[in-house]
Amino acid sequence: VSVCRFEVGVCDMRRLVPLRRKDAMERITEAAAVGTETD
């Protein structure tokens, strides 16, 4: 972190959606069926 170019709070982060186990199973099944990427 002391030499990283990324500054938390200034640079944009990849904000990922936390998923419960049930929701993750549903999204994984959908993604595997249609070949979509995560969002």
ModelCIF file with pLDDT and N, C-alpha, C, O atoms, coordinates in Angstrom:
data_MODEL
#
_entry.id   MODEL 
#
_entity.id                         1 
_entity.type                       polymer 
_entity.pdbx_number_of_molecules   1 
#
_entity_poly.entity_id                      1 
_entity_poly.type                           'polypeptide(L)' 
_entity_poly.nstd_linkage                   no 
_entity_poly.nstd_monomer                   no 
_entity_poly.pdbx_seq_one_letter_code       VSVCRFEVGVCDMRRLVPLRRKDAMERITEAAAVGTETD 
_entity_poly.pdbx_seq_one_letter_code_can   VSVCRFEVGVCDMRRLVPLRRKDAMERITEAAAVGTETD 
_entity_poly.pdbx_strand_id                 A 
#
loop_
_entity_poly_seq.entity_id 
_entity_poly_seq.num 
_entity_poly_seq.mon_id 
_entity_poly_seq.hetero 
1 1  VAL n 
1 2  SER n 
1 3  VAL n 
1 4  CYS n 
1 5  ARG n 
1 6  PHE n 
1 7  GLU n 
1 8  VAL n 
1 9  GLY n 
1 10 VAL n 
1 11 CYS n 
1 12 ASP n 
1 13 MET n 
1 14 ARG n 
1 15 ARG n 
1 16 LEU n 
1 17 VAL n 
1 18 PRO n 
1 19 LEU n 
1 20 ARG n 
1 21 ARG n 
1 22 LYS n 
1 23 ASP n 
1 24 ALA n 
1 25 MET n 
1 26 GLU n 
1 27 ARG n 
1 28 ILE n 
1 29 THR n 
1 30 GLU n 
1 31 ALA n 
1 32 ALA n 
1 33 ALA n 
1 34 VAL n 
1 35 GLY n 
1 36 THR n 
1 37 GLU n 
1 38 THR n 
1 39 ASP n 
#
_struct_asym.id          A 
_struct_asym.entity_id   1 
#
loop_
_ma_qa_metric.id 
_ma_qa_metric.mode 
_ma_qa_metric.name 
_ma_qa_metric.software_group_id 
_ma_qa_metric.type 
1 global pLDDT . pLDDT 
2 local  pLDDT . pLDDT 
#
_ma_qa_metric_global.metric_id      1 
_ma_qa_metric_global.metric_value   82.23 
_ma_qa_metric_global.model_id       1 
_ma_qa_metric_global.ordinal_id     1 
#
loop_
_ma_qa_metric_local.label_asym_id 
_ma_qa_metric_local.label_comp_id 
_ma_qa_metric_local.label_seq_id 
_ma_qa_metric_local.metric_id 
_ma_qa_metric_local.metric_value 
_ma_qa_metric_local.model_id 
_ma_qa_metric_local.ordinal_id 
A VAL 1  2 81.00 1 1  
A SER 2  2 84.00 1 2  
A VAL 3  2 86.00 1 3  
A CYS 4  2 84.00 1 4  
A ARG 5  2 79.00 1 5  
A PHE 6  2 83.00 1 6  
A GLU 7  2 80.00 1 7  
A VAL 8  2 75.00 1 8  
A GLY 9  2 74.00 1 9  
A VAL 10 2 74.00 1 10 
A CYS 11 2 74.00 1 11 
A ASP 12 2 80.00 1 12 
A MET 13 2 85.00 1 13 
A ARG 14 2 89.00 1 14 
A ARG 15 2 91.00 1 15 
A LEU 16 2 93.00 1 16 
A VAL 17 2 92.00 1 17 
A PRO 18 2 94.00 1 18 
A LEU 19 2 95.00 1 19 
A ARG 20 2 94.00 1 20 
A ARG 21 2 94.00 1 21 
A LYS 22 2 94.00 1 22 
A ASP 23 2 95.00 1 23 
A ALA 24 2 95.00 1 24 
A MET 25 2 94.00 1 25 
A GLU 26 2 94.00 1 26 
A ARG 27 2 95.00 1 27 
A ILE 28 2 95.00 1 28 
A THR 29 2 94.00 1 29 
A GLU 30 2 93.00 1 30 
A ALA 31 2 89.00 1 31 
A ALA 32 2 83.00 1 32 
A ALA 33 2 83.00 1 33 
A VAL 34 2 75.00 1 34 
A GLY 35 2 67.00 1 35 
A THR 36 2 46.00 1 36 
A GLU 37 2 47.00 1 37 
A THR 38 2 43.00 1 38 
A ASP 39 2 44.00 1 39 
#
loop_
_atom_site.group_PDB 
_atom_site.id 
_atom_site.type_symbol 
_atom_site.label_atom_id 
_atom_site.label_alt_id 
_atom_site.label_comp_id 
_atom_site.label_asym_id 
_atom_site.label_entity_id 
_atom_site.label_seq_id 
_atom_site.pdbx_PDB_ins_code 
_atom_site.Cartn_x 
_atom_site.Cartn_y 
_atom_site.Cartn_z 
_atom_site.occupancy 
_atom_site.B_iso_or_equiv 
_atom_site.pdbx_formal_charge 
_atom_site.auth_seq_id 
_atom_site.auth_comp_id 
_atom_site.auth_asym_id 
_atom_site.auth_atom_id 
_atom_site.pdbx_PDB_model_num 
ATOM 1   N N  . VAL A 1 1  ? 0.819   -1.212  0.000   1.00 81.00 ? 1  VAL A N  1 
ATOM 2   C CA . VAL A 1 1  ? 0.000   0.000   0.000   1.00 81.00 ? 1  VAL A CA 1 
ATOM 3   C C  . VAL A 1 1  ? 0.859   1.270   0.000   1.00 81.00 ? 1  VAL A C  1 
ATOM 4   O O  . VAL A 1 1  ? 0.432   2.300   -0.522  1.00 81.00 ? 1  VAL A O  1 
ATOM 5   N N  . SER A 1 2  ? 2.051   1.208   0.574   1.00 84.00 ? 2  SER A N  1 
ATOM 6   C CA . SER A 1 2  ? 2.884   2.406   0.666   1.00 84.00 ? 2  SER A CA 1 
ATOM 7   C C  . SER A 1 2  ? 3.466   2.834   -0.675  1.00 84.00 ? 2  SER A C  1 
ATOM 8   O O  . SER A 1 2  ? 3.860   3.988   -0.839  1.00 84.00 ? 2  SER A O  1 
ATOM 9   N N  . VAL A 1 3  ? 3.523   1.924   -1.626  1.00 86.00 ? 3  VAL A N  1 
ATOM 10  C CA . VAL A 1 3  ? 4.092   2.263   -2.941  1.00 86.00 ? 3  VAL A CA 1 
ATOM 11  C C  . VAL A 1 3  ? 3.069   2.126   -4.060  1.00 86.00 ? 3  VAL A C  1 
ATOM 12  O O  . VAL A 1 3  ? 3.404   2.326   -5.228  1.00 86.00 ? 3  VAL A O  1 
ATOM 13  N N  . CYS A 1 4  ? 1.845   1.795   -3.729  1.00 84.00 ? 4  CYS A N  1 
ATOM 14  C CA . CYS A 1 4  ? 0.820   1.573   -4.747  1.00 84.00 ? 4  CYS A CA 1 
ATOM 15  C C  . CYS A 1 4  ? 0.359   2.907   -5.344  1.00 84.00 ? 4  CYS A C  1 
ATOM 16  O O  . CYS A 1 4  ? 0.289   3.919   -4.647  1.00 84.00 ? 4  CYS A O  1 
ATOM 17  N N  . ARG A 1 5  ? 0.051   2.892   -6.627  1.00 79.00 ? 5  ARG A N  1 
ATOM 18  C CA . ARG A 1 5  ? -0.441  4.098   -7.302  1.00 79.00 ? 5  ARG A CA 1 
ATOM 19  C C  . ARG A 1 5  ? -1.919  4.356   -7.010  1.00 79.00 ? 5  ARG A C  1 
ATOM 20  O O  . ARG A 1 5  ? -2.429  5.443   -7.284  1.00 79.00 ? 5  ARG A O  1 
ATOM 21  N N  . PHE A 1 6  ? -2.604  3.357   -6.455  1.00 83.00 ? 6  PHE A N  1 
ATOM 22  C CA . PHE A 1 6  ? -4.048  3.481   -6.235  1.00 83.00 ? 6  PHE A CA 1 
ATOM 23  C C  . PHE A 1 6  ? -4.307  4.211   -4.919  1.00 83.00 ? 6  PHE A C  1 
ATOM 24  O O  . PHE A 1 6  ? -3.726  3.865   -3.890  1.00 83.00 ? 6  PHE A O  1 
ATOM 25  N N  . GLU A 1 7  ? -5.169  5.208   -4.950  1.00 80.00 ? 7  GLU A N  1 
ATOM 26  C CA . GLU A 1 7  ? -5.518  5.961   -3.750  1.00 80.00 ? 7  GLU A CA 1 
ATOM 27  C C  . GLU A 1 7  ? -6.974  5.704   -3.410  1.00 80.00 ? 7  GLU A C  1 
ATOM 28  O O  . GLU A 1 7  ? -7.878  6.101   -4.144  1.00 80.00 ? 7  GLU A O  1 
ATOM 29  N N  . VAL A 1 8  ? -7.186  5.037   -2.292  1.00 75.00 ? 8  VAL A N  1 
ATOM 30  C CA . VAL A 1 8  ? -8.542  4.730   -1.839  1.00 75.00 ? 8  VAL A CA 1 
ATOM 31  C C  . VAL A 1 8  ? -9.287  6.035   -1.557  1.00 75.00 ? 8  VAL A C  1 
ATOM 32  O O  . VAL A 1 8  ? -8.764  6.918   -0.877  1.00 75.00 ? 8  VAL A O  1 
ATOM 33  N N  . GLY A 1 9  ? -10.489 6.150   -2.073  1.00 74.00 ? 9  GLY A N  1 
ATOM 34  C CA . GLY A 1 9  ? -11.282 7.358   -1.885  1.00 74.00 ? 9  GLY A CA 1 
ATOM 35  C C  . GLY A 1 9  ? -11.131 8.346   -3.019  1.00 74.00 ? 9  GLY A C  1 
ATOM 36  O O  . GLY A 1 9  ? -11.958 9.243   -3.183  1.00 74.00 ? 9  GLY A O  1 
ATOM 37  N N  . VAL A 1 10 ? -10.076 8.185   -3.806  1.00 74.00 ? 10 VAL A N  1 
ATOM 38  C CA . VAL A 1 10 ? -9.852  9.069   -4.949  1.00 74.00 ? 10 VAL A CA 1 
ATOM 39  C C  . VAL A 1 10 ? -10.079 8.313   -6.254  1.00 74.00 ? 10 VAL A C  1 
ATOM 40  O O  . VAL A 1 10 ? -10.761 8.799   -7.156  1.00 74.00 ? 10 VAL A O  1 
ATOM 41  N N  . CYS A 1 11 ? -9.500  7.119   -6.341  1.00 74.00 ? 11 CYS A N  1 
ATOM 42  C CA . CYS A 1 11 ? -9.646  6.302   -7.544  1.00 74.00 ? 11 CYS A CA 1 
ATOM 43  C C  . CYS A 1 11 ? -10.894 5.422   -7.434  1.00 74.00 ? 11 CYS A C  1 
ATOM 44  O O  . CYS A 1 11 ? -11.336 5.079   -6.337  1.00 74.00 ? 11 CYS A O  1 
ATOM 45  N N  . ASP A 1 12 ? -11.444 5.071   -8.579  1.00 80.00 ? 12 ASP A N  1 
ATOM 46  C CA . ASP A 1 12 ? -12.620 4.214   -8.608  1.00 80.00 ? 12 ASP A CA 1 
ATOM 47  C C  . ASP A 1 12 ? -12.234 2.766   -8.332  1.00 80.00 ? 12 ASP A C  1 
ATOM 48  O O  . ASP A 1 12 ? -11.229 2.272   -8.844  1.00 80.00 ? 12 ASP A O  1 
ATOM 49  N N  . MET A 1 13 ? -13.037 2.095   -7.523  1.00 85.00 ? 13 MET A N  1 
ATOM 50  C CA . MET A 1 13 ? -12.835 0.672   -7.242  1.00 85.00 ? 13 MET A CA 1 
ATOM 51  C C  . MET A 1 13 ? -13.894 -0.124  -7.989  1.00 85.00 ? 13 MET A C  1 
ATOM 52  O O  . MET A 1 13 ? -14.937 0.406   -8.372  1.00 85.00 ? 13 MET A O  1 
ATOM 53  N N  . ARG A 1 14 ? -13.615 -1.382  -8.185  1.00 89.00 ? 14 ARG A N  1 
ATOM 54  C CA . ARG A 1 14 ? -14.645 -2.285  -8.720  1.00 89.00 ? 14 ARG A CA 1 
ATOM 55  C C  . ARG A 1 14 ? -15.576 -2.640  -7.575  1.00 89.00 ? 14 ARG A C  1 
ATOM 56  O O  . ARG A 1 14 ? -15.187 -3.378  -6.669  1.00 89.00 ? 14 ARG A O  1 
ATOM 57  N N  . ARG A 1 15 ? -16.764 -2.141  -7.600  1.00 91.00 ? 15 ARG A N  1 
ATOM 58  C CA . ARG A 1 15 ? -17.712 -2.380  -6.513  1.00 91.00 ? 15 ARG A CA 1 
ATOM 59  C C  . ARG A 1 15 ? -18.563 -3.596  -6.866  1.00 91.00 ? 15 ARG A C  1 
ATOM 60  O O  . ARG A 1 15 ? -19.387 -3.550  -7.780  1.00 91.00 ? 15 ARG A O  1 
ATOM 61  N N  . LEU A 1 16 ? -18.352 -4.670  -6.136  1.00 93.00 ? 16 LEU A N  1 
ATOM 62  C CA . LEU A 1 16 ? -19.033 -5.932  -6.392  1.00 93.00 ? 16 LEU A CA 1 
ATOM 63  C C  . LEU A 1 16 ? -20.196 -6.113  -5.423  1.00 93.00 ? 16 LEU A C  1 
ATOM 64  O O  . LEU A 1 16 ? -20.144 -5.670  -4.276  1.00 93.00 ? 16 LEU A O  1 
ATOM 65  N N  . VAL A 1 17 ? -21.227 -6.762  -5.900  1.00 92.00 ? 17 VAL A N  1 
ATOM 66  C CA . VAL A 1 17 ? -22.439 -6.961  -5.104  1.00 92.00 ? 17 VAL A CA 1 
ATOM 67  C C  . VAL A 1 17 ? -22.254 -8.146  -4.156  1.00 92.00 ? 17 VAL A C  1 
ATOM 68  O O  . VAL A 1 17 ? -22.005 -9.258  -4.622  1.00 92.00 ? 17 VAL A O  1 
ATOM 69  N N  . PRO A 1 18 ? -22.366 -7.942  -2.835  1.00 94.00 ? 18 PRO A N  1 
ATOM 70  C CA . PRO A 1 18 ? -22.334 -9.085  -1.911  1.00 94.00 ? 18 PRO A CA 1 
ATOM 71  C C  . PRO A 1 18 ? -23.553 -9.974  -2.160  1.00 94.00 ? 18 PRO A C  1 
ATOM 72  O O  . PRO A 1 18 ? -24.661 -9.467  -2.337  1.00 94.00 ? 18 PRO A O  1 
ATOM 73  N N  . LEU A 1 19 ? -23.363 -11.264 -2.176  1.00 95.00 ? 19 LEU A N  1 
ATOM 74  C CA . LEU A 1 19 ? -24.441 -12.197 -2.475  1.00 95.00 ? 19 LEU A CA 1 
ATOM 75  C C  . LEU A 1 19 ? -24.592 -13.238 -1.385  1.00 95.00 ? 19 LEU A C  1 
ATOM 76  O O  . LEU A 1 19 ? -23.611 -13.811 -0.912  1.00 95.00 ? 19 LEU A O  1 
ATOM 77  N N  . ARG A 1 20 ? -25.838 -13.476 -0.994  1.00 94.00 ? 20 ARG A N  1 
ATOM 78  C CA . ARG A 1 20 ? -26.103 -14.610 -0.127  1.00 94.00 ? 20 ARG A CA 1 
ATOM 79  C C  . ARG A 1 20 ? -25.934 -15.899 -0.930  1.00 94.00 ? 20 ARG A C  1 
ATOM 80  O O  . ARG A 1 20 ? -25.948 -15.879 -2.161  1.00 94.00 ? 20 ARG A O  1 
ATOM 81  N N  . ARG A 1 21 ? -25.777 -17.005 -0.232  1.00 94.00 ? 21 ARG A N  1 
ATOM 82  C CA . ARG A 1 21 ? -25.519 -18.278 -0.906  1.00 94.00 ? 21 ARG A CA 1 
ATOM 83  C C  . ARG A 1 21 ? -26.605 -18.604 -1.928  1.00 94.00 ? 21 ARG A C  1 
ATOM 84  O O  . ARG A 1 21 ? -26.299 -19.032 -3.040  1.00 94.00 ? 21 ARG A O  1 
ATOM 85  N N  . LYS A 1 22 ? -27.869 -18.405 -1.560  1.00 94.00 ? 22 LYS A N  1 
ATOM 86  C CA . LYS A 1 22 ? -28.970 -18.702 -2.474  1.00 94.00 ? 22 LYS A CA 1 
ATOM 87  C C  . LYS A 1 22 ? -28.891 -17.835 -3.721  1.00 94.00 ? 22 LYS A C  1 
ATOM 88  O O  . LYS A 1 22 ? -29.045 -18.329 -4.838  1.00 94.00 ? 22 LYS A O  1 
ATOM 89  N N  . ASP A 1 23 ? -28.650 -16.537 -3.529  1.00 95.00 ? 23 ASP A N  1 
ATOM 90  C CA . ASP A 1 23 ? -28.572 -15.627 -4.671  1.00 95.00 ? 23 ASP A CA 1 
ATOM 91  C C  . ASP A 1 23 ? -27.373 -15.952 -5.558  1.00 95.00 ? 23 ASP A C  1 
ATOM 92  O O  . ASP A 1 23 ? -27.458 -15.874 -6.784  1.00 95.00 ? 23 ASP A O  1 
ATOM 93  N N  . ALA A 1 24 ? -26.250 -16.320 -4.925  1.00 95.00 ? 24 ALA A N  1 
ATOM 94  C CA . ALA A 1 24 ? -25.060 -16.679 -5.706  1.00 95.00 ? 24 ALA A CA 1 
ATOM 95  C C  . ALA A 1 24 ? -25.325 -17.911 -6.551  1.00 95.00 ? 24 ALA A C  1 
ATOM 96  O O  . ALA A 1 24 ? -24.907 -17.972 -7.707  1.00 95.00 ? 24 ALA A O  1 
ATOM 97  N N  . MET A 1 25 ? -26.021 -18.902 -5.981  1.00 94.00 ? 25 MET A N  1 
ATOM 98  C CA . MET A 1 25 ? -26.348 -20.116 -6.737  1.00 94.00 ? 25 MET A CA 1 
ATOM 99  C C  . MET A 1 25 ? -27.199 -19.779 -7.952  1.00 94.00 ? 25 MET A C  1 
ATOM 100 O O  . MET A 1 25 ? -26.970 -20.303 -9.042  1.00 94.00 ? 25 MET A O  1 
ATOM 101 N N  . GLU A 1 26 ? -28.179 -18.905 -7.764  1.00 94.00 ? 26 GLU A N  1 
ATOM 102 C CA . GLU A 1 26 ? -29.062 -18.539 -8.865  1.00 94.00 ? 26 GLU A CA 1 
ATOM 103 C C  . GLU A 1 26 ? -28.283 -17.816 -9.967  1.00 94.00 ? 26 GLU A C  1 
ATOM 104 O O  . GLU A 1 26 ? -28.471 -18.103 -11.149 1.00 94.00 ? 26 GLU A O  1 
ATOM 105 N N  . ARG A 1 27 ? -27.416 -16.888 -9.587  1.00 95.00 ? 27 ARG A N  1 
ATOM 106 C CA . ARG A 1 27 ? -26.657 -16.142 -10.593 1.00 95.00 ? 27 ARG A CA 1 
ATOM 107 C C  . ARG A 1 27 ? -25.638 -17.034 -11.303 1.00 95.00 ? 27 ARG A C  1 
ATOM 108 O O  . ARG A 1 27 ? -25.430 -16.909 -12.510 1.00 95.00 ? 27 ARG A O  1 
ATOM 109 N N  . ILE A 1 28 ? -25.010 -17.926 -10.554 1.00 95.00 ? 28 ILE A N  1 
ATOM 110 C CA . ILE A 1 28 ? -24.044 -18.844 -11.169 1.00 95.00 ? 28 ILE A CA 1 
ATOM 111 C C  . ILE A 1 28 ? -24.740 -19.732 -12.190 1.00 95.00 ? 28 ILE A C  1 
ATOM 112 O O  . ILE A 1 28 ? -24.218 -19.957 -13.282 1.00 95.00 ? 28 ILE A O  1 
ATOM 113 N N  . THR A 1 29 ? -25.914 -20.235 -11.835 1.00 94.00 ? 29 THR A N  1 
ATOM 114 C CA . THR A 1 29 ? -26.664 -21.093 -12.745 1.00 94.00 ? 29 THR A CA 1 
ATOM 115 C C  . THR A 1 29 ? -27.057 -20.333 -14.006 1.00 94.00 ? 29 THR A C  1 
ATOM 116 O O  . THR A 1 29 ? -26.939 -20.858 -15.113 1.00 94.00 ? 29 THR A O  1 
ATOM 117 N N  . GLU A 1 30 ? -27.523 -19.093 -13.839 1.00 93.00 ? 30 GLU A N  1 
ATOM 118 C CA . GLU A 1 30 ? -27.901 -18.274 -14.999 1.00 93.00 ? 30 GLU A CA 1 
ATOM 119 C C  . GLU A 1 30 ? -26.686 -17.969 -15.870 1.00 93.00 ? 30 GLU A C  1 
ATOM 120 O O  . GLU A 1 30 ? -26.758 -18.060 -17.095 1.00 93.00 ? 30 GLU A O  1 
ATOM 121 N N  . ALA A 1 31 ? -25.565 -17.604 -15.232 1.00 89.00 ? 31 ALA A N  1 
ATOM 122 C CA . ALA A 1 31 ? -24.370 -17.241 -15.991 1.00 89.00 ? 31 ALA A CA 1 
ATOM 123 C C  . ALA A 1 31 ? -23.819 -18.439 -16.749 1.00 89.00 ? 31 ALA A C  1 
ATOM 124 O O  . ALA A 1 31 ? -23.372 -18.303 -17.888 1.00 89.00 ? 31 ALA A O  1 
ATOM 125 N N  . ALA A 1 32 ? -23.847 -19.620 -16.118 1.00 83.00 ? 32 ALA A N  1 
ATOM 126 C CA . ALA A 1 32 ? -23.340 -20.817 -16.779 1.00 83.00 ? 32 ALA A CA 1 
ATOM 127 C C  . ALA A 1 32 ? -24.213 -21.216 -17.954 1.00 83.00 ? 32 ALA A C  1 
ATOM 128 O O  . ALA A 1 32 ? -23.734 -21.789 -18.932 1.00 83.00 ? 32 ALA A O  1 
ATOM 129 N N  . ALA A 1 33 ? -25.518 -20.902 -17.847 1.00 83.00 ? 33 ALA A N  1 
ATOM 130 C CA . ALA A 1 33 ? -26.449 -21.291 -18.911 1.00 83.00 ? 33 ALA A CA 1 
ATOM 131 C C  . ALA A 1 33 ? -26.324 -20.396 -20.140 1.00 83.00 ? 33 ALA A C  1 
ATOM 132 O O  . ALA A 1 33 ? -26.421 -20.878 -21.269 1.00 83.00 ? 33 ALA A O  1 
ATOM 133 N N  . VAL A 1 34 ? -26.113 -19.109 -19.933 1.00 75.00 ? 34 VAL A N  1 
ATOM 134 C CA . VAL A 1 34 ? -26.105 -18.176 -21.064 1.00 75.00 ? 34 VAL A CA 1 
ATOM 135 C C  . VAL A 1 34 ? -24.724 -17.623 -21.374 1.00 75.00 ? 34 VAL A C  1 
ATOM 136 O O  . VAL A 1 34 ? -24.546 -16.906 -22.359 1.00 75.00 ? 34 VAL A O  1 
ATOM 137 N N  . GLY A 1 35 ? -23.736 -17.955 -20.530 1.00 67.00 ? 35 GLY A N  1 
ATOM 138 C CA . GLY A 1 35 ? -22.373 -17.510 -20.790 1.00 67.00 ? 35 GLY A CA 1 
ATOM 139 C C  . GLY A 1 35 ? -22.133 -16.059 -20.524 1.00 67.00 ? 35 GLY A C  1 
ATOM 140 O O  . GLY A 1 35 ? -21.226 -15.470 -21.111 1.00 67.00 ? 35 GLY A O  1 
ATOM 141 N N  . THR A 1 36 ? -22.939 -15.437 -19.631 1.00 46.00 ? 36 THR A N  1 
ATOM 142 C CA . THR A 1 36 ? -22.757 -14.033 -19.308 1.00 46.00 ? 36 THR A CA 1 
ATOM 143 C C  . THR A 1 36 ? -21.662 -13.876 -18.275 1.00 46.00 ? 36 THR A C  1 
ATOM 144 O O  . THR A 1 36 ? -21.314 -14.823 -17.569 1.00 46.00 ? 36 THR A O  1 
ATOM 145 N N  . GLU A 1 37 ? -21.124 -12.674 -18.193 1.00 47.00 ? 37 GLU A N  1 
ATOM 146 C CA . GLU A 1 37 ? -20.103 -12.378 -17.216 1.00 47.00 ? 37 GLU A CA 1 
ATOM 147 C C  . GLU A 1 37 ? -20.745 -11.763 -15.973 1.00 47.00 ? 37 GLU A C  1 
ATOM 148 O O  . GLU A 1 37 ? -21.899 -11.336 -15.996 1.00 47.00 ? 37 GLU A O  1 
ATOM 149 N N  . THR A 1 38 ? -19.972 -11.730 -14.892 1.00 43.00 ? 38 THR A N  1 
ATOM 150 C CA . THR A 1 38 ? -20.471 -11.149 -13.656 1.00 43.00 ? 38 THR A CA 1 
ATOM 151 C C  . THR A 1 38 ? -20.625 -9.647  -13.834 1.00 43.00 ? 38 THR A C  1 
ATOM 152 O O  . THR A 1 38 ? -20.023 -9.040  -14.719 1.00 43.00 ? 38 THR A O  1 
ATOM 153 N N  . ASP A 1 39 ? -21.450 -9.062  -12.965 1.00 44.00 ? 39 ASP A N  1 
ATOM 154 C CA . ASP A 1 39 ? -21.703 -7.627  -13.051 1.00 44.00 ? 39 ASP A CA 1 
ATOM 155 C C  . ASP A 1 39 ? -21.268 -6.929  -11.773 1.00 44.00 ? 39 ASP A C  1 
ATOM 156 O O  . ASP A 1 39 ? -21.404 -5.711  -11.658 1.00 44.00 ? 39 ASP A O  1 
#
